[in-house]
Amino acid sequence: MTDVVDSDELLRRMQRARTCARREEEAWRARSLGLRTSDPEGAREATVRWLAYETVLSVLDEILTPGSHPTEG
């Protein structure tokens, strides 16, 4: 069954998602940089995850604070 949520709850959920994405992006960035010399393949995988979370974070930032972030295009 699908829950119906109001706009305030939706905003809170998106803010929590942004906080989570920020933590994950930082963790994967640190892991990527830490593995560069000891495990190049692991560093590449960590970099892909880092960039994925960076993208998610960018999208959530734009949704939650429209126009306050530079866009490409």
PDB file of N, CA and C in Angstrom:
ATOM      1  N   MET A   1       0.836  -1.177   0.000  1.00  0.00           N
ATOM      2  CA  MET A   1       0.000   0.000   0.000  1.00  0.00           C
ATOM      3  C   MET A   1       0.885   1.246   0.000  1.00  0.00           C
ATOM      4  N   THR A   2       0.506   2.227  -0.729  1.00  0.00           N
ATOM      5  CA  THR A   2       1.273   3.462  -0.851  1.00  0.00           C
ATOM      6  C   THR A   2       0.806   4.473   0.185  1.00  0.00           C
ATOM      7  N   ASP A   3       1.784   5.067   0.877  1.00  0.00           N
ATOM      8  CA  ASP A   3       1.461   6.119   1.841  1.00  0.00           C
ATOM      9  C   ASP A   3       1.299   7.443   1.113  1.00  0.00           C
ATOM     10  N   VAL A   4       0.344   8.218   1.552  1.00  0.00           N
ATOM     11  CA  VAL A   4       0.162   9.569   1.040  1.00  0.00           C
ATOM     12  C   VAL A   4       0.833  10.506   2.036  1.00  0.00           C
ATOM     13  N   VAL A   5       1.711  11.376   1.527  1.00  0.00           N
ATOM     14  CA  VAL A   5       2.416  12.302   2.414  1.00  0.00           C
ATOM     15  C   VAL A   5       2.152  13.731   1.962  1.00  0.00           C
ATOM     16  N   ASP A   6       2.174  14.629   2.931  1.00  0.00           N
ATOM     17  CA  ASP A   6       1.977  16.033   2.590  1.00  0.00           C
ATOM     18  C   ASP A   6       3.308  16.649   2.157  1.00  0.00           C
ATOM     19  N   SER A   7       3.263  17.873   1.697  1.00  0.00           N
ATOM     20  CA  SER A   7       4.456  18.525   1.154  1.00  0.00           C
ATOM     21  C   SER A   7       5.543  18.722   2.212  1.00  0.00           C
ATOM     22  N   ASP A   8       5.162  18.969   3.463  1.00  0.00           N
ATOM     23  CA  ASP A   8       6.162  19.128   4.519  1.00  0.00           C
ATOM     24  C   ASP A   8       6.920  17.831   4.757  1.00  0.00           C
ATOM     25  N   GLU A   9       6.188  16.717   4.752  1.00  0.00           N
ATOM     26  CA  GLU A   9       6.847  15.418   4.946  1.00  0.00           C
ATOM     27  C   GLU A   9       7.741  15.087   3.759  1.00  0.00           C
ATOM     28  N   LEU A  10       7.290  15.396   2.573  1.00  0.00           N
ATOM     29  CA  LEU A  10       8.100  15.166   1.381  1.00  0.00           C
ATOM     30  C   LEU A  10       9.384  15.982   1.444  1.00  0.00           C
ATOM     31  N   LEU A  11       9.281  17.221   1.874  1.00  0.00           N
ATOM     32  CA  LEU A  11      10.454  18.073   2.026  1.00  0.00           C
ATOM     33  C   LEU A  11      11.418  17.493   3.063  1.00  0.00           C
ATOM     34  N   ARG A  12      10.903  17.038   4.191  1.00  0.00           N
ATOM     35  CA  ARG A  12      11.756  16.424   5.221  1.00  0.00           C
ATOM     36  C   ARG A  12      12.467  15.186   4.684  1.00  0.00           C
ATOM     37  N   ARG A  13      11.765  14.381   3.934  1.00  0.00           N
ATOM     38  CA  ARG A  13      12.370  13.166   3.371  1.00  0.00           C
ATOM     39  C   ARG A  13      13.478  13.512   2.373  1.00  0.00           C
ATOM     40  N   MET A  14      13.241  14.510   1.566  1.00  0.00           N
ATOM     41  CA  MET A  14      14.269  14.912   0.601  1.00  0.00           C
ATOM     42  C   MET A  14      15.479  15.516   1.311  1.00  0.00           C
ATOM     43  N   GLN A  15      15.257  16.246   2.385  1.00  0.00           N
ATOM     44  CA  GLN A  15      16.373  16.796   3.157  1.00  0.00           C
ATOM     45  C   GLN A  15      17.185  15.677   3.809  1.00  0.00           C
ATOM     46  N   ARG A  16      16.500  14.662   4.328  1.00  0.00           N
ATOM     47  CA  ARG A  16      17.217  13.510   4.890  1.00  0.00           C
ATOM     48  C   ARG A  16      18.002  12.784   3.805  1.00  0.00           C
ATOM     49  N   ALA A  17      17.411  12.655   2.637  1.00  0.00           N
ATOM     50  CA  ALA A  17      18.101  12.006   1.520  1.00  0.00           C
ATOM     51  C   ALA A  17      19.344  12.800   1.126  1.00  0.00           C
ATOM     52  N   ARG A  18      19.240  14.128   1.133  1.00  0.00           N
ATOM     53  CA  ARG A  18      20.393  14.971   0.801  1.00  0.00           C
ATOM     54  C   ARG A  18      21.499  14.796   1.836  1.00  0.00           C
ATOM     55  N   THR A  19      21.132  14.744   3.105  1.00  0.00           N
ATOM     56  CA  THR A  19      22.126  14.541   4.171  1.00  0.00           C
ATOM     57  C   THR A  19      22.815  13.189   4.004  1.00  0.00           C
ATOM     58  N   CYS A  20      22.033  12.167   3.722  1.00  0.00           N
ATOM     59  CA  CYS A  20      22.594  10.832   3.509  1.00  0.00           C
ATOM     60  C   CYS A  20      23.514  10.824   2.283  1.00  0.00           C
ATOM     61  N   ALA A  21      23.082  11.429   1.198  1.00  0.00           N
ATOM     62  CA  ALA A  21      23.902  11.477  -0.016  1.00  0.00           C
ATOM     63  C   ALA A  21      25.209  12.219   0.233  1.00  0.00           C
ATOM     64  N   ARG A  22      25.161  13.274   1.017  1.00  0.00           N
ATOM     65  CA  ARG A  22      26.374  14.037   1.340  1.00  0.00           C
ATOM     66  C   ARG A  22      27.365  13.161   2.116  1.00  0.00           C
ATOM     67  N   ARG A  23      26.861  12.421   3.108  1.00  0.00           N
ATOM     68  CA  ARG A  23      27.745  11.529   3.888  1.00  0.00           C
ATOM     69  C   ARG A  23      28.354  10.453   3.001  1.00  0.00           C
ATOM     70  N   GLU A  24      27.530   9.855   2.150  1.00  0.00           N
ATOM     71  CA  GLU A  24      28.028   8.799   1.262  1.00  0.00           C
ATOM     72  C   GLU A  24      29.045   9.349   0.265  1.00  0.00           C
ATOM     73  N   GLU A  25      28.760  10.517  -0.284  1.00  0.00           N
ATOM     74  CA  GLU A  25      29.694  11.131  -1.243  1.00  0.00           C
ATOM     75  C   GLU A  25      31.045  11.375  -0.582  1.00  0.00           C
ATOM     76  N   GLU A  26      31.039  11.881   0.630  1.00  0.00           N
ATOM     77  CA  GLU A  26      32.290  12.131   1.350  1.00  0.00           C
ATOM     78  C   GLU A  26      33.026  10.836   1.657  1.00  0.00           C
ATOM     79  N   ALA A  27      32.292   9.801   2.057  1.00  0.00           N
ATOM     80  CA  ALA A  27      32.915   8.515   2.385  1.00  0.00           C
ATOM     81  C   ALA A  27      33.548   7.873   1.150  1.00  0.00           C
ATOM     82  N   TRP A  28      32.827   7.883   0.027  1.00  0.00           N
ATOM     83  CA  TRP A  28      33.371   7.274  -1.190  1.00  0.00           C
ATOM     84  C   TRP A  28      34.538   8.088  -1.748  1.00  0.00           C
ATOM     85  N   ARG A  29      34.484   9.413  -1.600  1.00  0.00           N
ATOM     86  CA  ARG A  29      35.616  10.238  -2.039  1.00  0.00           C
ATOM     87  C   ARG A  29      36.865   9.885  -1.228  1.00  0.00           C
ATOM     88  N   ALA A  30      36.704   9.801   0.071  1.00  0.00           N
ATOM     89  CA  ALA A  30      37.844   9.460   0.932  1.00  0.00           C
ATOM     90  C   ALA A  30      38.378   8.075   0.602  1.00  0.00           C
ATOM     91  N   ARG A  31      37.465   7.137   0.379  1.00  0.00           N
ATOM     92  CA  ARG A  31      37.888   5.770   0.029  1.00  0.00           C
ATOM     93  C   ARG A  31      38.627   5.762  -1.300  1.00  0.00           C
ATOM     94  N   SER A  32      38.121   6.495  -2.274  1.00  0.00           N
ATOM     95  CA  SER A  32      38.765   6.556  -3.580  1.00  0.00           C
ATOM     96  C   SER A  32      40.185   7.103  -3.464  1.00  0.00           C
ATOM     97  N   LEU A  33      40.312   8.210  -2.757  1.00  0.00           N
ATOM     98  CA  LEU A  33      41.629   8.822  -2.614  1.00  0.00           C
ATOM     99  C   LEU A  33      42.575   7.937  -1.807  1.00  0.00           C
ATOM    100  N   GLY A  34      42.041   7.231  -0.816  1.00  0.00           N
ATOM    101  CA  GLY A  34      42.870   6.363   0.008  1.00  0.00           C
ATOM    102  C   GLY A  34      43.351   5.114  -0.701  1.00  0.00           C
ATOM    103  N   LEU A  35      42.617   4.664  -1.704  1.00  0.00           N
ATOM    104  CA  LEU A  35      42.965   3.419  -2.401  1.00  0.00           C
ATOM    105  C   LEU A  35      43.803   3.628  -3.658  1.00  0.00           C
ATOM    106  N   ARG A  36      44.059   4.845  -4.040  1.00  0.00           N
ATOM    107  CA  ARG A  36      44.727   5.111  -5.320  1.00  0.00           C
ATOM    108  C   ARG A  36      46.031   4.341  -5.497  1.00  0.00           C
ATOM    109  N   THR A  37      46.859   4.307  -4.488  1.00  0.00           N
ATOM    110  CA  THR A  37      48.158   3.643  -4.648  1.00  0.00           C
ATOM    111  C   THR A  37      48.098   2.162  -4.315  1.00  0.00           C
ATOM    112  N   SER A  38      47.278   1.769  -3.356  1.00  0.00           N
ATOM    113  CA  SER A  38      47.274   0.371  -2.923  1.00  0.00           C
ATOM    114  C   SER A  38      46.336  -0.522  -3.716  1.00  0.00           C
ATOM    115  N   ASP A  39      45.258   0.015  -4.256  1.00  0.00           N
ATOM    116  CA  ASP A  39      44.258  -0.793  -4.958  1.00  0.00           C
ATOM    117  C   ASP A  39      43.611   0.043  -6.062  1.00  0.00           C
ATOM    118  N   PRO A  40      44.284   0.159  -7.209  1.00  0.00           N
ATOM    119  CA  PRO A  40      43.756   1.006  -8.292  1.00  0.00           C
ATOM    120  C   PRO A  40      42.347   0.604  -8.756  1.00  0.00           C
ATOM    121  N   GLU A  41      42.061  -0.682  -8.832  1.00  0.00           N
ATOM    122  CA  GLU A  41      40.731  -1.128  -9.256  1.00  0.00           C
ATOM    123  C   GLU A  41      39.675  -0.724  -8.225  1.00  0.00           C
ATOM    124  N   GLY A  42      39.981  -0.906  -6.958  1.00  0.00           N
ATOM    125  CA  GLY A  42      39.069  -0.481  -5.897  1.00  0.00           C
ATOM    126  C   GLY A  42      38.873   1.029  -5.905  1.00  0.00           C
ATOM    127  N   ALA A  43      39.942   1.752  -6.209  1.00  0.00           N
ATOM    128  CA  ALA A  43      39.856   3.216  -6.281  1.00  0.00           C
ATOM    129  C   ALA A  43      38.940   3.641  -7.425  1.00  0.00           C
ATOM    130  N   ARG A  44      39.017   2.941  -8.559  1.00  0.00           N
ATOM    131  CA  ARG A  44      38.142   3.267  -9.697  1.00  0.00           C
ATOM    132  C   ARG A  44      36.671   3.035  -9.330  1.00  0.00           C
ATOM    133  N   GLU A  45      36.398   1.903  -8.687  1.00  0.00           N
ATOM    134  CA  GLU A  45      35.020   1.618  -8.276  1.00  0.00           C
ATOM    135  C   GLU A  45      34.523   2.667  -7.275  1.00  0.00           C
ATOM    136  N   ALA A  46      35.374   3.020  -6.325  1.00  0.00           N
ATOM    137  CA  ALA A  46      35.005   4.034  -5.341  1.00  0.00           C
ATOM    138  C   ALA A  46      34.771   5.384  -6.017  1.00  0.00           C
ATOM    139  N   THR A  47      35.554   5.694  -7.037  1.00  0.00           N
ATOM    140  CA  THR A  47      35.381   6.956  -7.764  1.00  0.00           C
ATOM    141  C   THR A  47      34.030   6.990  -8.478  1.00  0.00           C
ATOM    142  N   VAL A  48      33.637   5.871  -9.070  1.00  0.00           N
ATOM    143  CA  VAL A  48      32.334   5.809  -9.747  1.00  0.00           C
ATOM    144  C   VAL A  48      31.217   6.053  -8.743  1.00  0.00           C
ATOM    145  N   ARG A  49      31.322   5.428  -7.580  1.00  0.00           N
ATOM    146  CA  ARG A  49      30.294   5.619  -6.553  1.00  0.00           C
ATOM    147  C   ARG A  49      30.310   7.057  -6.029  1.00  0.00           C
ATOM    148  N   TRP A  50      31.499   7.598  -5.862  1.00  0.00           N
ATOM    149  CA  TRP A  50      31.649   8.993  -5.424  1.00  0.00           C
ATOM    150  C   TRP A  50      30.923   9.923  -6.390  1.00  0.00           C
ATOM    151  N   LEU A  51      31.180   9.729  -7.693  1.00  0.00           N
ATOM    152  CA  LEU A  51      30.558  10.587  -8.698  1.00  0.00           C
ATOM    153  C   LEU A  51      29.049  10.393  -8.761  1.00  0.00           C
ATOM    154  N   ALA A  52      28.590   9.171  -8.547  1.00  0.00           N
ATOM    155  CA  ALA A  52      27.145   8.917  -8.536  1.00  0.00           C
ATOM    156  C   ALA A  52      26.479   9.675  -7.388  1.00  0.00           C
ATOM    157  N   TYR A  53      27.078   9.595  -6.196  1.00  0.00           N
ATOM    158  CA  TYR A  53      26.503  10.329  -5.065  1.00  0.00           C
ATOM    159  C   TYR A  53      26.631  11.838  -5.250  1.00  0.00           C
ATOM    160  N   GLU A  54      27.700  12.271  -5.881  1.00  0.00           N
ATOM    161  CA  GLU A  54      27.863  13.694  -6.162  1.00  0.00           C
ATOM    162  C   GLU A  54      26.732  14.182  -7.075  1.00  0.00           C
ATOM    163  N   THR A  55      26.363  13.361  -8.043  1.00  0.00           N
ATOM    164  CA  THR A  55      25.275  13.704  -8.958  1.00  0.00           C
ATOM    165  C   THR A  55      23.937  13.741  -8.231  1.00  0.00           C
ATOM    166  N   VAL A  56      23.682  12.729  -7.412  1.00  0.00           N
ATOM    167  CA  VAL A  56      22.442  12.697  -6.633  1.00  0.00           C
ATOM    168  C   VAL A  56      22.364  13.925  -5.736  1.00  0.00           C
ATOM    169  N   LEU A  57      23.459  14.247  -5.096  1.00  0.00           N
ATOM    170  CA  LEU A  57      23.508  15.409  -4.215  1.00  0.00           C
ATOM    171  C   LEU A  57      23.229  16.696  -4.991  1.00  0.00           C
ATOM    172  N   SER A  58      23.783  16.811  -6.168  1.00  0.00           N
ATOM    173  CA  SER A  58      23.554  17.986  -7.003  1.00  0.00           C
ATOM    174  C   SER A  58      22.075  18.119  -7.377  1.00  0.00           C
ATOM    175  N   VAL A  59      21.446  17.015  -7.732  1.00  0.00           N
ATOM    176  CA  VAL A  59      20.032  17.042  -8.100  1.00  0.00           C
ATOM    177  C   VAL A  59      19.175  17.421  -6.892  1.00  0.00           C
ATOM    178  N   LEU A  60      19.434  16.796  -5.754  1.00  0.00           N
ATOM    179  CA  LEU A  60      18.663  17.118  -4.551  1.00  0.00           C
ATOM    180  C   LEU A  60      18.865  18.571  -4.131  1.00  0.00           C
ATOM    181  N   ASP A  61      20.088  19.066  -4.238  1.00  0.00           N
ATOM    182  CA  ASP A  61      20.344  20.473  -3.917  1.00  0.00           C
ATOM    183  C   ASP A  61      19.528  21.394  -4.821  1.00  0.00           C
ATOM    184  N   GLU A  62      19.477  21.073  -6.100  1.00  0.00           N
ATOM    185  CA  GLU A  62      18.733  21.919  -7.036  1.00  0.00           C
ATOM    186  C   GLU A  62      17.234  21.861  -6.761  1.00  0.00           C
ATOM    187  N   ILE A  63      16.727  20.701  -6.376  1.00  0.00           N
ATOM    188  CA  ILE A  63      15.306  20.577  -6.047  1.00  0.00           C
ATOM    189  C   ILE A  63      14.975  21.373  -4.789  1.00  0.00           C
ATOM    190  N   LEU A  64      15.829  21.254  -3.777  1.00  0.00           N
ATOM    191  CA  LEU A  64      15.542  21.868  -2.488  1.00  0.00           C
ATOM    192  C   LEU A  64      15.871  23.355  -2.446  1.00  0.00           C
ATOM    193  N   THR A  65      16.847  23.782  -3.246  1.00  0.00           N
ATOM    194  CA  THR A  65      17.220  25.207  -3.287  1.00  0.00           C
ATOM    195  C   THR A  65      17.422  25.604  -4.745  1.00  0.00           C
ATOM    196  N   PRO A  66      16.343  25.742  -5.500  1.00  0.00           N
ATOM    197  CA  PRO A  66      16.418  26.018  -6.936  1.00  0.00           C
ATOM    198  C   PRO A  66      17.204  27.290  -7.255  1.00  0.00           C
ATOM    199  N   GLY A  67      18.057  27.176  -8.257  1.00  0.00           N
ATOM    200  CA  GLY A  67      18.783  28.334  -8.743  1.00  0.00           C
ATOM    201  C   GLY A  67      19.994  28.764  -7.922  1.00  0.00           C
ATOM    202  N   SER A  68      20.244  28.110  -6.813  1.00  0.00           N
ATOM    203  CA  SER A  68      21.363  28.528  -5.976  1.00  0.00           C
ATOM    204  C   SER A  68      22.660  27.792  -6.324  1.00  0.00           C
ATOM    205  N   HIS A  69      22.598  26.906  -7.294  1.00  0.00           N
ATOM    206  CA  HIS A  69      23.777  26.128  -7.689  1.00  0.00           C
ATOM    207  C   HIS A  69      24.023  26.291  -9.178  1.00  0.00           C
ATOM    208  N   PRO A  70      25.281  26.402  -9.564  1.00  0.00           N
ATOM    209  CA  PRO A  70      25.576  26.539 -10.997  1.00  0.00           C
ATOM    210  C   PRO A  70      25.160  25.286 -11.750  1.00  0.00           C
ATOM    211  N   THR A  71      24.626  25.473 -12.929  1.00  0.00           N
ATOM    212  CA  THR A  71      24.224  24.335 -13.765  1.00  0.00           C
ATOM    213  C   THR A  71      25.062  24.320 -15.016  1.00  0.00           C
ATOM    214  N   GLU A  72      25.207  23.133 -15.582  1.00  0.00           N
ATOM    215  CA  GLU A  72      25.944  22.996 -16.828  1.00  0.00           C
ATOM    216  C   GLU A  72      24.936  23.039 -17.966  1.00  0.00           C
ATOM    217  N   GLY A  73      25.402  23.441 -19.105  1.00  0.00           N
ATOM    218  CA  GLY A  73      24.490  23.323 -20.199  1.00  0.00           C
ATOM    219  C   GLY A  73      24.558  24.387 -21.157  1.00  0.00           C
TER     220      GLY A  73
END
